[in-house]
Amino acid sequence: MKFTEDHEWLRAEGDLFVVGVTEYAAEQLGDVVFVELPEEGRTVKKDEEIVVIESVKVASDIKAPLDGTIVAVNEKLADAPAFVNEDPLGDGWFFKLRVDDPSAVEAFMDEDAYKAMIA
């Protein structure tokens, strides 16, 4: 698993990457009440805002970590956005991305580096 400075995580799943937010980000958001996901098949560019999260505290955007194509979204979040808080590293994932350059993922932080950043 890799982590971005924007508190997103990426987990390899075959030739795809599953993307969500970290436990730290989920705690900072507060109770999530709505998640707007991108459409499957959408081509995205790195840093493009593609997910909107509304919580009791704030509305926030999630950016695409890399260039690629959205190949799946977590439909469960439409009915149960609380998965983002309850299981951010599991059922709270947002989308699966087929990245244009898989080697670019190596530039992100590992878990130890991410923990050091938020300490």
Protein backbone atom coordinates (compact mmCIF):
# COMPACT_ATOMS: atom_id res chain seq x y z
CA MET A 1 0.00 0.00 0.00
CA LYS A 2 1.20 3.51 -0.84
CA PHE A 3 0.12 6.89 0.52
CA THR A 4 -0.10 10.42 -0.89
CA GLU A 5 0.50 13.72 0.90
CA ASP A 6 -3.24 14.36 0.41
CA HIS A 7 -4.00 11.43 2.76
CA GLU A 8 -5.11 9.03 0.04
CA TRP A 9 -4.02 5.42 -0.13
CA LEU A 10 -3.44 3.22 -3.17
CA ARG A 11 -3.49 -0.57 -3.03
CA ALA A 12 -2.49 -2.72 -5.99
CA GLU A 13 -5.16 -5.18 -7.12
CA GLY A 14 -3.89 -7.00 -10.16
CA ASP A 15 -3.08 -4.34 -12.73
CA LEU A 16 -5.41 -1.82 -11.05
CA PHE A 17 -5.06 0.44 -8.02
CA VAL A 18 -7.82 0.79 -5.44
CA VAL A 19 -7.97 4.33 -3.98
CA GLY A 20 -9.42 5.60 -0.71
CA VAL A 21 -8.60 7.95 2.16
CA THR A 22 -6.57 7.09 5.23
CA GLU A 23 -7.90 6.59 8.74
CA TYR A 24 -6.31 9.93 9.65
CA ALA A 25 -8.25 11.71 6.87
CA ALA A 26 -11.49 9.95 7.81
CA GLU A 27 -11.11 11.15 11.39
CA GLN A 28 -10.37 14.70 10.25
CA LEU A 29 -13.47 14.74 8.03
CA GLY A 30 -15.87 13.74 10.78
CA ASP A 31 -19.01 11.79 9.95
CA VAL A 32 -19.30 11.45 6.17
CA VAL A 33 -22.88 11.99 4.97
CA PHE A 34 -22.48 12.04 1.16
CA VAL A 35 -19.97 10.86 -1.44
CA GLU A 36 -20.11 11.80 -5.14
CA LEU A 37 -18.04 9.37 -7.20
CA PRO A 38 -16.68 9.71 -10.75
CA GLU A 39 -18.21 7.79 -13.65
CA GLU A 40 -16.69 4.49 -14.67
CA GLY A 41 -14.71 4.81 -17.87
CA ARG A 42 -13.73 8.41 -17.16
CA THR A 43 -10.18 9.35 -18.07
CA VAL A 44 -8.55 11.44 -15.33
CA LYS A 45 -5.40 13.49 -14.94
CA LYS A 46 -3.21 13.63 -11.84
CA ASP A 47 -4.53 16.16 -9.29
CA GLU A 48 -7.93 16.43 -11.04
CA GLU A 49 -10.72 16.65 -8.45
CA ILE A 50 -12.86 13.57 -9.00
CA VAL A 51 -14.61 12.70 -5.71
CA VAL A 52 -16.67 15.04 -3.53
CA ILE A 53 -17.08 14.16 0.13
CA GLU A 54 -19.51 15.94 2.41
CA SER A 55 -19.28 15.44 6.14
CA VAL A 56 -20.84 17.08 9.15
CA LYS A 57 -17.70 19.26 9.35
CA VAL A 58 -16.72 20.10 5.78
CA ALA A 59 -17.04 19.41 2.05
CA SER A 60 -13.83 18.11 0.54
CA ASP A 61 -12.52 16.95 -2.82
CA ILE A 62 -10.39 13.92 -3.55
CA LYS A 63 -7.91 14.26 -6.38
CA ALA A 64 -6.80 11.62 -8.85
CA PRO A 65 -3.39 10.47 -7.60
CA LEU A 66 -2.18 9.70 -11.14
CA ASP A 67 -3.23 9.84 -14.79
CA GLY A 68 -5.45 6.93 -15.74
CA THR A 69 -8.95 5.59 -16.25
CA ILE A 70 -11.63 4.92 -13.64
CA VAL A 71 -12.62 1.28 -14.13
CA ALA A 72 -14.87 0.78 -11.07
CA VAL A 73 -16.46 2.83 -8.30
CA ASN A 74 -17.68 1.75 -4.86
CA GLU A 75 -21.45 1.88 -5.41
CA LYS A 76 -22.04 0.96 -1.75
CA LEU A 77 -21.02 4.48 -0.71
CA ALA A 78 -24.15 5.97 -2.30
CA ASP A 79 -26.33 4.25 0.30
CA ALA A 80 -23.77 3.97 3.08
CA PRO A 81 -21.24 6.85 3.01
CA ALA A 82 -20.37 6.00 6.62
CA PHE A 83 -18.13 3.20 5.28
CA VAL A 84 -15.55 5.97 4.75
CA ASN A 85 -15.41 6.44 8.54
CA GLU A 86 -16.05 2.86 9.62
CA ASP A 87 -13.59 1.09 7.31
CA PRO A 88 -11.52 3.64 5.35
CA LEU A 89 -8.89 1.09 4.32
CA GLY A 90 -11.46 -1.56 3.39
CA ASP A 91 -15.12 -1.09 2.41
CA GLY A 92 -14.66 2.70 2.33
CA TRP A 93 -12.64 2.70 -0.93
CA PHE A 94 -13.73 5.15 -3.66
CA PHE A 95 -12.61 3.90 -7.05
CA LYS A 96 -10.33 1.55 -8.97
CA LEU A 97 -7.91 3.19 -11.34
CA ARG A 98 -5.99 1.78 -14.28
CA VAL A 99 -2.98 4.08 -14.23
CA ASP A 100 -1.16 5.09 -17.39
CA ASP A 101 2.26 4.59 -15.75
CA PRO A 102 2.16 2.00 -12.92
CA SER A 103 5.79 2.71 -12.00
CA ALA A 104 4.74 6.24 -10.91
CA VAL A 105 3.08 4.69 -7.84
CA GLU A 106 6.53 3.95 -6.40
CA ALA A 107 7.06 7.68 -5.87
CA PHE A 108 4.40 7.72 -3.12
CA MET A 109 5.13 7.11 0.57
CA ASP A 110 5.17 3.71 2.24
CA GLU A 111 3.28 3.26 5.52
CA ASP A 112 6.23 4.22 7.74
CA ALA A 113 6.87 7.45 5.82
CA TYR A 114 3.16 8.32 5.92
CA LYS A 115 2.97 7.73 9.68
CA ALA A 116 6.01 9.96 10.15
CA MET A 117 4.32 12.71 8.10
CA ILE A 118 1.16 12.76 10.23
CA ALA A 119 2.99 12.37 13.58
